[in-house]
Amino acid sequence: FGVRLAAGSEGLVRFQRESRFLGSFKHDHLVRVFAAGDFDGVP
């Protein structure tokens, strides 16, 4: 994503929590989310 978030910021924590939720989805017609994180603040 074209944003950069500070380490430990509320936005980054929310992103990781939201991504974990999306990663639990399993459906034949949904693209799976395998992993989420950040590279130097870039999610």
All heavy atoms as atom14 arrays in JSON, in Angstrom:
{
  "sequence": "FGVRLAAGSEGLVRFQRESRFLGSFKHDHLVRVFAAGDFDGVP",
  "atom14_mask": [
    [1, 1, 1, 1, 1, 1, 1, 1, 1, 1, 1, 0, 0, 0],
    [1, 1, 1, 1, 0, 0, 0, 0, 0, 0, 0, 0, 0, 0],
    [1, 1, 1, 1, 1, 1, 1, 0, 0, 0, 0, 0, 0, 0],
    [1, 1, 1, 1, 1, 1, 1, 1, 1, 1, 1, 0, 0, 0],
    [1, 1, 1, 1, 1, 1, 1, 1, 0, 0, 0, 0, 0, 0],
    [1, 1, 1, 1, 1, 0, 0, 0, 0, 0, 0, 0, 0, 0],
    [1, 1, 1, 1, 1, 0, 0, 0, 0, 0, 0, 0, 0, 0],
    [1, 1, 1, 1, 0, 0, 0, 0, 0, 0, 0, 0, 0, 0],
    [1, 1, 1, 1, 1, 1, 0, 0, 0, 0, 0, 0, 0, 0],
    [1, 1, 1, 1, 1, 1, 1, 1, 1, 0, 0, 0, 0, 0],
    [1, 1, 1, 1, 0, 0, 0, 0, 0, 0, 0, 0, 0, 0],
    [1, 1, 1, 1, 1, 1, 1, 1, 0, 0, 0, 0, 0, 0],
    [1, 1, 1, 1, 1, 1, 1, 0, 0, 0, 0, 0, 0, 0],
    [1, 1, 1, 1, 1, 1, 1, 1, 1, 1, 1, 0, 0, 0],
    [1, 1, 1, 1, 1, 1, 1, 1, 1, 1, 1, 0, 0, 0],
    [1, 1, 1, 1, 1, 1, 1, 1, 1, 0, 0, 0, 0, 0],
    [1, 1, 1, 1, 1, 1, 1, 1, 1, 1, 1, 0, 0, 0],
    [1, 1, 1, 1, 1, 1, 1, 1, 1, 0, 0, 0, 0, 0],
    [1, 1, 1, 1, 1, 1, 0, 0, 0, 0, 0, 0, 0, 0],
    [1, 1, 1, 1, 1, 1, 1, 1, 1, 1, 1, 0, 0, 0],
    [1, 1, 1, 1, 1, 1, 1, 1, 1, 1, 1, 0, 0, 0],
    [1, 1, 1, 1, 1, 1, 1, 1, 0, 0, 0, 0, 0, 0],
    [1, 1, 1, 1, 0, 0, 0, 0, 0, 0, 0, 0, 0, 0],
    [1, 1, 1, 1, 1, 1, 0, 0, 0, 0, 0, 0, 0, 0],
    [1, 1, 1, 1, 1, 1, 1, 1, 1, 1, 1, 0, 0, 0],
    [1, 1, 1, 1, 1, 1, 1, 1, 1, 0, 0, 0, 0, 0],
    [1, 1, 1, 1, 1, 1, 1, 1, 1, 1, 0, 0, 0, 0],
    [1, 1, 1, 1, 1, 1, 1, 1, 0, 0, 0, 0, 0, 0],
    [1, 1, 1, 1, 1, 1, 1, 1, 1, 1, 0, 0, 0, 0],
    [1, 1, 1, 1, 1, 1, 1, 1, 0, 0, 0, 0, 0, 0],
    [1, 1, 1, 1, 1, 1, 1, 0, 0, 0, 0, 0, 0, 0],
    [1, 1, 1, 1, 1, 1, 1, 1, 1, 1, 1, 0, 0, 0],
    [1, 1, 1, 1, 1, 1, 1, 0, 0, 0, 0, 0, 0, 0],
    [1, 1, 1, 1, 1, 1, 1, 1, 1, 1, 1, 0, 0, 0],
    [1, 1, 1, 1, 1, 0, 0, 0, 0, 0, 0, 0, 0, 0],
    [1, 1, 1, 1, 1, 0, 0, 0, 0, 0, 0, 0, 0, 0],
    [1, 1, 1, 1, 0, 0, 0, 0, 0, 0, 0, 0, 0, 0],
    [1, 1, 1, 1, 1, 1, 1, 1, 0, 0, 0, 0, 0, 0],
    [1, 1, 1, 1, 1, 1, 1, 1, 1, 1, 1, 0, 0, 0],
    [1, 1, 1, 1, 1, 1, 1, 1, 0, 0, 0, 0, 0, 0],
    [1, 1, 1, 1, 0, 0, 0, 0, 0, 0, 0, 0, 0, 0],
    [1, 1, 1, 1, 1, 1, 1, 0, 0, 0, 0, 0, 0, 0],
    [1, 1, 1, 1, 1, 1, 1, 0, 0, 0, 0, 0, 0, 0]
  ],
  "atom14_positions": [
    [[0.83, -1.2, 0.0], [0.0, 0.0, 0.0], [0.87, 1.25, 0.0], [1.96, 1.26, 0.56], [-0.94, -0.02, 1.2], [-1.9, -1.16, 1.17], [-1.6, -2.36, 1.79], [-3.1, -1.06, 0.48], [-2.47, -3.43, 1.74], [-3.98, -2.13, 0.42], [-3.67, -3.31, 1.05], [0.0, 0.0, 0.0], [0.0, 0.0, 0.0], [0.0, 0.0, 0.0]],
    [[0.37, 2.29, -0.64], [1.16, 3.51, -0.81], [1.12, 4.44, 0.38], [0.98, 5.65, 0.23], [0.0, 0.0, 0.0], [0.0, 0.0, 0.0], [0.0, 0.0, 0.0], [0.0, 0.0, 0.0], [0.0, 0.0, 0.0], [0.0, 0.0, 0.0], [0.0, 0.0, 0.0], [0.0, 0.0, 0.0], [0.0, 0.0, 0.0], [0.0, 0.0, 0.0]],
    [[1.2, 3.89, 1.58], [1.23, 4.69, 2.81], [2.36, 4.18, 3.68], [2.87, 3.08, 3.49], [-0.11, 4.59, 3.59], [-1.27, 5.09, 2.74], [-0.38, 3.16, 4.03], [0.0, 0.0, 0.0], [0.0, 0.0, 0.0], [0.0, 0.0, 0.0], [0.0, 0.0, 0.0], [0.0, 0.0, 0.0], [0.0, 0.0, 0.0], [0.0, 0.0, 0.0]],
    [[2.77, 4.98, 4.62], [3.79, 4.57, 5.58], [3.29, 4.91, 6.98], [2.93, 6.05, 7.26], [5.12, 5.27, 5.3], [6.3, 4.64, 6.06], [7.6, 5.36, 5.71], [7.95, 5.25, 4.32], [8.63, 4.24, 3.79], [9.01, 3.23, 4.54], [8.91, 4.22, 2.49], [0.0, 0.0, 0.0], [0.0, 0.0, 0.0], [0.0, 0.0, 0.0]],
    [[3.24, 3.89, 7.85], [2.71, 4.06, 9.2], [3.82, 3.86, 10.22], [4.71, 3.03, 10.03], [1.59, 3.05, 9.46], [0.41, 3.09, 8.48], [-0.57, 1.96, 8.79], [-0.3, 4.43, 8.54], [0.0, 0.0, 0.0], [0.0, 0.0, 0.0], [0.0, 0.0, 0.0], [0.0, 0.0, 0.0], [0.0, 0.0, 0.0], [0.0, 0.0, 0.0]],
    [[3.74, 4.61, 11.31], [4.75, 4.49, 12.36], [4.63, 3.15, 13.06], [3.53, 2.62, 13.24], [4.58, 5.62, 13.38], [0.0, 0.0, 0.0], [0.0, 0.0, 0.0], [0.0, 0.0, 0.0], [0.0, 0.0, 0.0], [0.0, 0.0, 0.0], [0.0, 0.0, 0.0], [0.0, 0.0, 0.0], [0.0, 0.0, 0.0], [0.0, 0.0, 0.0]],
    [[5.78, 2.59, 13.43], [5.79, 1.31, 14.15], [4.97, 1.43, 15.43], [5.11, 2.39, 16.19], [7.23, 0.92, 14.48], [0.0, 0.0, 0.0], [0.0, 0.0, 0.0], [0.0, 0.0, 0.0], [0.0, 0.0, 0.0], [0.0, 0.0, 0.0], [0.0, 0.0, 0.0], [0.0, 0.0, 0.0], [0.0, 0.0, 0.0], [0.0, 0.0, 0.0]],
    [[4.09, 0.46, 15.65], [3.27, 0.45, 16.85], [2.11, 1.42, 16.82], [1.4, 1.56, 17.83], [0.0, 0.0, 0.0], [0.0, 0.0, 0.0], [0.0, 0.0, 0.0], [0.0, 0.0, 0.0], [0.0, 0.0, 0.0], [0.0, 0.0, 0.0], [0.0, 0.0, 0.0], [0.0, 0.0, 0.0], [0.0, 0.0, 0.0], [0.0, 0.0, 0.0]],
    [[1.9, 2.09, 15.7], [0.82, 3.08, 15.61], [-0.54, 2.38, 15.62], [-0.66, 1.2, 15.3], [0.96, 3.92, 14.34], [0.79, 3.11, 13.19], [0.0, 0.0, 0.0], [0.0, 0.0, 0.0], [0.0, 0.0, 0.0], [0.0, 0.0, 0.0], [0.0, 0.0, 0.0], [0.0, 0.0, 0.0], [0.0, 0.0, 0.0], [0.0, 0.0, 0.0]],
    [[-1.56, 3.14, 15.98], [-2.91, 2.58, 16.03], [-3.32, 2.08, 14.65], [-3.95, 1.02, 14.52], [-3.9, 3.64, 16.52], [-5.34, 3.13, 16.59], [-6.32, 4.19, 17.04], [-5.85, 5.29, 17.44], [-7.54, 3.94, 16.97], [0.0, 0.0, 0.0], [0.0, 0.0, 0.0], [0.0, 0.0, 0.0], [0.0, 0.0, 0.0], [0.0, 0.0, 0.0]],
    [[-2.95, 2.83, 13.6], [-3.32, 2.42, 12.24], [-2.72, 1.09, 11.86], [-3.38, 0.25, 11.23], [0.0, 0.0, 0.0], [0.0, 0.0, 0.0], [0.0, 0.0, 0.0], [0.0, 0.0, 0.0], [0.0, 0.0, 0.0], [0.0, 0.0, 0.0], [0.0, 0.0, 0.0], [0.0, 0.0, 0.0], [0.0, 0.0, 0.0], [0.0, 0.0, 0.0]],
    [[-1.46, 0.86, 12.23], [-0.79, -0.4, 11.9], [-1.39, -1.56, 12.69], [-1.59, -2.65, 12.15], [0.71, -0.28, 12.17], [1.61, -1.33, 11.53], [1.39, -1.41, 10.02], [3.07, -1.02, 11.83], [0.0, 0.0, 0.0], [0.0, 0.0, 0.0], [0.0, 0.0, 0.0], [0.0, 0.0, 0.0], [0.0, 0.0, 0.0], [0.0, 0.0, 0.0]],
    [[-1.7, -1.31, 13.95], [-2.32, -2.35, 14.78], [-3.69, -2.72, 14.22], [-4.05, -3.9, 14.13], [-2.44, -1.87, 16.23], [-3.29, -2.84, 17.06], [-1.06, -1.72, 16.87], [0.0, 0.0, 0.0], [0.0, 0.0, 0.0], [0.0, 0.0, 0.0], [0.0, 0.0, 0.0], [0.0, 0.0, 0.0], [0.0, 0.0, 0.0], [0.0, 0.0, 0.0]],
    [[-4.48, -1.72, 13.82], [-5.8, -1.97, 13.23], [-5.66, -2.74, 11.94], [-6.45, -3.64, 11.65], [-6.53, -0.66, 12.99], [-7.07, 0.02, 14.23], [-7.82, 1.28, 13.86], [-8.93, 0.98, 12.96], [-9.4, 1.83, 12.04], [-8.84, 3.01, 11.88], [-10.42, 1.49, 11.29], [0.0, 0.0, 0.0], [0.0, 0.0, 0.0], [0.0, 0.0, 0.0]],
    [[-4.67, -2.39, 11.11], [-4.46, -3.08, 9.84], [-4.17, -4.55, 10.07], [-4.73, -5.42, 9.4], [-3.3, -2.42, 9.09], [-2.82, -3.21, 7.91], [-3.57, -3.29, 6.75], [-1.61, -3.89, 7.96], [-3.12, -4.04, 5.66], [-1.16, -4.64, 6.88], [-1.92, -4.7, 5.72], [0.0, 0.0, 0.0], [0.0, 0.0, 0.0], [0.0, 0.0, 0.0]],
    [[-3.31, -4.86, 11.03], [-2.96, -6.25, 11.3], [-4.14, -7.03, 11.86], [-4.37, -8.18, 11.5], [-1.76, -6.3, 12.24], [-0.47, -5.78, 11.6], [0.68, -5.68, 12.58], [0.48, -5.56, 13.77], [1.89, -5.72, 12.06], [0.0, 0.0, 0.0], [0.0, 0.0, 0.0], [0.0, 0.0, 0.0], [0.0, 0.0, 0.0], [0.0, 0.0, 0.0]],
    [[-4.93, -6.36, 12.72], [-6.11, -7.03, 13.28], [-7.14, -7.29, 12.19], [-7.71, -8.39, 12.09], [-6.71, -6.16, 14.38], [-7.91, -6.8, 15.09], [-8.34, -6.0, 16.31], [-8.77, -4.66, 15.96], [-8.17, -3.55, 16.39], [-7.1, -3.63, 17.18], [-8.63, -2.37, 16.05], [0.0, 0.0, 0.0], [0.0, 0.0, 0.0], [0.0, 0.0, 0.0]],
    [[-7.37, -6.31, 11.35], [-8.33, -6.45, 10.26], [-7.88, -7.53, 9.27], [-8.68, -8.34, 8.78], [-8.45, -5.11, 9.53], [-9.44, -5.07, 8.4], [-9.48, -3.7, 7.75], [-8.76, -2.78, 8.2], [-10.24, -3.56, 6.78], [0.0, 0.0, 0.0], [0.0, 0.0, 0.0], [0.0, 0.0, 0.0], [0.0, 0.0, 0.0], [0.0, 0.0, 0.0]],
    [[-6.57, -7.58, 8.99], [-6.04, -8.54, 8.04], [-6.15, -9.96, 8.58], [-6.39, -10.91, 7.81], [-4.58, -8.21, 7.72], [-4.48, -6.93, 7.14], [0.0, 0.0, 0.0], [0.0, 0.0, 0.0], [0.0, 0.0, 0.0], [0.0, 0.0, 0.0], [0.0, 0.0, 0.0], [0.0, 0.0, 0.0], [0.0, 0.0, 0.0], [0.0, 0.0, 0.0]],
    [[-5.96, -10.14, 9.89], [-6.15, -11.47, 10.48], [-7.58, -11.95, 10.27], [-7.82, -13.12, 9.99], [-5.8, -11.45, 11.97], [-4.33, -11.68, 12.26], [-4.12, -12.01, 13.72], [-4.45, -10.89, 14.58], [-3.59, -9.93, 14.93], [-2.35, -9.96, 14.46], [-3.95, -8.94, 15.71], [0.0, 0.0, 0.0], [0.0, 0.0, 0.0], [0.0, 0.0, 0.0]],
    [[-8.53, -11.02, 10.42], [-9.93, -11.36, 10.21], [-10.16, -11.79, 8.76], [-10.78, -12.82, 8.49], [-10.8, -10.15, 10.57], [-12.28, -10.39, 10.43], [-12.88, -11.52, 10.96], [-13.07, -9.46, 9.78], [-14.24, -11.72, 10.85], [-14.43, -9.66, 9.66], [-15.03, -10.79, 10.19], [0.0, 0.0, 0.0], [0.0, 0.0, 0.0], [0.0, 0.0, 0.0]],
    [[-9.62, -11.03, 7.81], [-9.78, -11.38, 6.4], [-9.1, -12.72, 6.09], [-9.58, -13.48, 5.26], [-9.16, -10.29, 5.51], [-9.87, -8.93, 5.54], [-9.06, -7.91, 4.75], [-11.28, -9.03, 4.99], [0.0, 0.0, 0.0], [0.0, 0.0, 0.0], [0.0, 0.0, 0.0], [0.0, 0.0, 0.0], [0.0, 0.0, 0.0], [0.0, 0.0, 0.0]],
    [[-8.0, -12.99, 6.78], [-7.29, -14.24, 6.55], [-8.05, -15.47, 6.98], [-7.72, -16.58, 6.58], [0.0, 0.0, 0.0], [0.0, 0.0, 0.0], [0.0, 0.0, 0.0], [0.0, 0.0, 0.0], [0.0, 0.0, 0.0], [0.0, 0.0, 0.0], [0.0, 0.0, 0.0], [0.0, 0.0, 0.0], [0.0, 0.0, 0.0], [0.0, 0.0, 0.0]],
    [[-9.08, -15.27, 7.79], [-9.89, -16.41, 8.23], [-10.94, -16.8, 7.2], [-11.58, -17.84, 7.33], [-10.57, -16.09, 9.57], [-11.59, -15.11, 9.39], [0.0, 0.0, 0.0], [0.0, 0.0, 0.0], [0.0, 0.0, 0.0], [0.0, 0.0, 0.0], [0.0, 0.0, 0.0], [0.0, 0.0, 0.0], [0.0, 0.0, 0.0], [0.0, 0.0, 0.0]],
    [[-11.11, -15.98, 6.17], [-12.15, -16.25, 5.17], [-11.71, -17.37, 4.23], [-10.6, -17.33, 3.69], [-12.44, -15.0, 4.34], [-13.12, -13.9, 5.09], [-13.43, -14.03, 6.43], [-13.45, -12.72, 4.45], [-14.05, -13.0, 7.13], [-14.09, -11.69, 5.13], [-14.39, -11.83, 6.47], [0.0, 0.0, 0.0], [0.0, 0.0, 0.0], [0.0, 0.0, 0.0]],
    [[-12.58, -18.34, 4.01], [-12.32, -19.43, 3.08], [-13.58, -19.67, 2.26], [-14.59, -20.15, 2.78], [-11.92, -20.71, 3.84], [-10.6, -20.6, 4.56], [-10.26, -21.9, 5.26], [-8.94, -21.78, 6.02], [-8.58, -23.03, 6.73], [0.0, 0.0, 0.0], [0.0, 0.0, 0.0], [0.0, 0.0, 0.0], [0.0, 0.0, 0.0], [0.0, 0.0, 0.0]],
    [[-13.48, -19.32, 0.99], [-14.62, -19.48, 0.09], [-14.08, -19.72, -1.32], [-13.07, -19.15, -1.7], [-15.5, -18.22, 0.12], [-16.8, -18.37, -0.6], [-16.91, -18.21, -1.97], [-18.06, -18.67, -0.16], [-18.17, -18.4, -2.33], [-18.88, -18.69, -1.25], [0.0, 0.0, 0.0], [0.0, 0.0, 0.0], [0.0, 0.0, 0.0], [0.0, 0.0, 0.0]],
    [[-14.78, -20.57, -2.08], [-14.3, -20.94, -3.41], [-14.14, -19.74, -4.34], [-13.35, -19.79, -5.28], [-15.25, -21.95, -4.06], [-15.15, -23.32, -3.41], [-14.06, -23.64, -2.89], [-16.15, -24.05, -3.42], [0.0, 0.0, 0.0], [0.0, 0.0, 0.0], [0.0, 0.0, 0.0], [0.0, 0.0, 0.0], [0.0, 0.0, 0.0], [0.0, 0.0, 0.0]],
    [[-14.88, -18.66, -4.1], [-14.85, -17.53, -5.01], [-14.28, -16.26, -4.39], [-14.5, -15.16, -4.89], [-16.25, -17.27, -5.57], [-16.83, -18.48, -6.25], [-16.21, -19.1, -7.31], [-17.95, -19.21, -6.0], [-16.92, -20.14, -7.69], [-17.97, -20.24, -6.9], [0.0, 0.0, 0.0], [0.0, 0.0, 0.0], [0.0, 0.0, 0.0], [0.0, 0.0, 0.0]],
    [[-13.54, -16.44, -3.31], [-12.82, -15.32, -2.7], [-11.32, -15.57, -2.82], [-10.85, -16.68, -2.6], [-13.16, -15.19, -1.21], [-14.44, -14.46, -0.81], [-14.59, -14.51, 0.71], [-14.44, -13.03, -1.3], [0.0, 0.0, 0.0], [0.0, 0.0, 0.0], [0.0, 0.0, 0.0], [0.0, 0.0, 0.0], [0.0, 0.0, 0.0], [0.0, 0.0, 0.0]],
    [[-10.58, -14.53, -3.16], [-9.12, -14.63, -3.14], [-8.67, -14.71, -1.68], [-9.06, -13.88, -0.86], [-8.48, -13.41, -3.83], [-6.96, -13.43, -3.67], [-8.85, -13.38, -5.32], [0.0, 0.0, 0.0], [0.0, 0.0, 0.0], [0.0, 0.0, 0.0], [0.0, 0.0, 0.0], [0.0, 0.0, 0.0], [0.0, 0.0, 0.0], [0.0, 0.0, 0.0]],
    [[-7.85, -15.71, -1.36], [-7.39, -15.89, 0.01], [-6.34, -14.86, 0.39], [-5.51, -14.46, -0.42], [-6.77, -17.29, 0.17], [-7.77, -18.43, 0.09], [-8.62, -18.56, 1.34], [-7.81, -18.62, 2.54], [-7.2, -19.73, 2.99], [-7.31, -20.85, 2.32], [-6.51, -19.7, 4.1], [0.0, 0.0, 0.0], [0.0, 0.0, 0.0], [0.0, 0.0, 0.0]],
    [[-6.37, -14.43, 1.64], [-5.32, -13.6, 2.23], [-4.45, -14.53, 3.07], [-4.93, -15.15, 4.02], [-5.9, -12.47, 3.09], [-4.8, -11.71, 3.81], [-6.73, -11.51, 2.24], [0.0, 0.0, 0.0], [0.0, 0.0, 0.0], [0.0, 0.0, 0.0], [0.0, 0.0, 0.0], [0.0, 0.0, 0.0], [0.0, 0.0, 0.0], [0.0, 0.0, 0.0]],
    [[-3.17, -14.65, 2.72], [-2.28, -15.56, 3.42], [-1.51, -14.9, 4.55], [-1.23, -15.51, 5.58], [-1.26, -16.16, 2.43], [-1.86, -17.08, 1.41], [-1.48, -16.98, 0.08], [-2.79, -18.04, 1.76], [-2.02, -17.83, -0.88], [-3.34, -18.9, 0.81], [-2.95, -18.79, -0.51], [0.0, 0.0, 0.0], [0.0, 0.0, 0.0], [0.0, 0.0, 0.0]],
    [[-1.08, -13.66, 4.33], [-0.22, -13.01, 5.33], [-0.36, -11.51, 5.22], [-0.77, -10.97, 4.19], [1.25, -13.41, 5.11], [0.0, 0.0, 0.0], [0.0, 0.0, 0.0], [0.0, 0.0, 0.0], [0.0, 0.0, 0.0], [0.0, 0.0, 0.0], [0.0, 0.0, 0.0], [0.0, 0.0, 0.0], [0.0, 0.0, 0.0], [0.0, 0.0, 0.0]],
    [[-0.02, -10.83, 6.3], [-0.05, -9.37, 6.33], [1.05, -8.89, 7.25], [1.47, -9.59, 8.16], [-1.41, -8.87, 6.81], [0.0, 0.0, 0.0], [0.0, 0.0, 0.0], [0.0, 0.0, 0.0], [0.0, 0.0, 0.0], [0.0, 0.0, 0.0], [0.0, 0.0, 0.0], [0.0, 0.0, 0.0], [0.0, 0.0, 0.0], [0.0, 0.0, 0.0]],
    [[1.51, -7.69, 7.01], [2.55, -7.11, 7.85], [2.98, -5.79, 7.28], [2.19, -5.11, 6.6], [0.0, 0.0, 0.0], [0.0, 0.0, 0.0], [0.0, 0.0, 0.0], [0.0, 0.0, 0.0], [0.0, 0.0, 0.0], [0.0, 0.0, 0.0], [0.0, 0.0, 0.0], [0.0, 0.0, 0.0], [0.0, 0.0, 0.0], [0.0, 0.0, 0.0]],
    [[4.22, -5.42, 7.53], [4.71, -4.16, 6.97], [6.21, -4.28, 6.72], [6.92, -5.02, 7.39], [4.42, -2.97, 7.89], [5.27, -3.0, 9.16], [4.98, -3.82, 10.06], [6.26, -2.24, 9.22], [0.0, 0.0, 0.0], [0.0, 0.0, 0.0], [0.0, 0.0, 0.0], [0.0, 0.0, 0.0], [0.0, 0.0, 0.0], [0.0, 0.0, 0.0]],
    [[6.67, -3.55, 5.72], [8.08, -3.42, 5.42], [8.46, -1.97, 5.71], [8.06, -1.06, 4.97], [8.39, -3.75, 3.95], [8.01, -5.15, 3.55], [7.05, -5.37, 2.59], [8.63, -6.25, 4.13], [6.71, -6.66, 2.2], [8.3, -7.55, 3.76], [7.33, -7.75, 2.79], [0.0, 0.0, 0.0], [0.0, 0.0, 0.0], [0.0, 0.0, 0.0]],
    [[9.17, -1.74, 6.83], [9.54, -0.38, 7.23], [8.34, 0.55, 7.26], [8.41, 1.7, 6.82], [10.62, 0.18, 6.29], [11.93, -0.58, 6.39], [12.24, -1.07, 7.49], [12.61, -0.7, 5.36], [0.0, 0.0, 0.0], [0.0, 0.0, 0.0], [0.0, 0.0, 0.0], [0.0, 0.0, 0.0], [0.0, 0.0, 0.0], [0.0, 0.0, 0.0]],
    [[7.23, 0.06, 7.79], [6.05, 0.9, 7.94], [5.1, 0.9, 6.76], [4.01, 1.47, 6.83], [0.0, 0.0, 0.0], [0.0, 0.0, 0.0], [0.0, 0.0, 0.0], [0.0, 0.0, 0.0], [0.0, 0.0, 0.0], [0.0, 0.0, 0.0], [0.0, 0.0, 0.0], [0.0, 0.0, 0.0], [0.0, 0.0, 0.0], [0.0, 0.0, 0.0]],
    [[5.48, 0.26, 5.65], [4.61, 0.16, 4.47], [3.8, -1.14, 4.59], [4.38, -2.23, 4.51], [5.41, 0.16, 3.16], [4.48, -0.03, 1.96], [6.2, 1.47, 3.02], [0.0, 0.0, 0.0], [0.0, 0.0, 0.0], [0.0, 0.0, 0.0], [0.0, 0.0, 0.0], [0.0, 0.0, 0.0], [0.0, 0.0, 0.0], [0.0, 0.0, 0.0]],
    [[2.49, -1.05, 4.79], [1.68, -2.27, 4.98], [1.62, -3.11, 3.71], [1.67, -2.58, 2.6], [0.29, -1.72, 5.33], [0.5, -0.29, 5.71], [1.68, 0.17, 4.9], [0.0, 0.0, 0.0], [0.0, 0.0, 0.0], [0.0, 0.0, 0.0], [0.0, 0.0, 0.0], [0.0, 0.0, 0.0], [0.0, 0.0, 0.0], [0.0, 0.0, 0.0]]
  ]
}
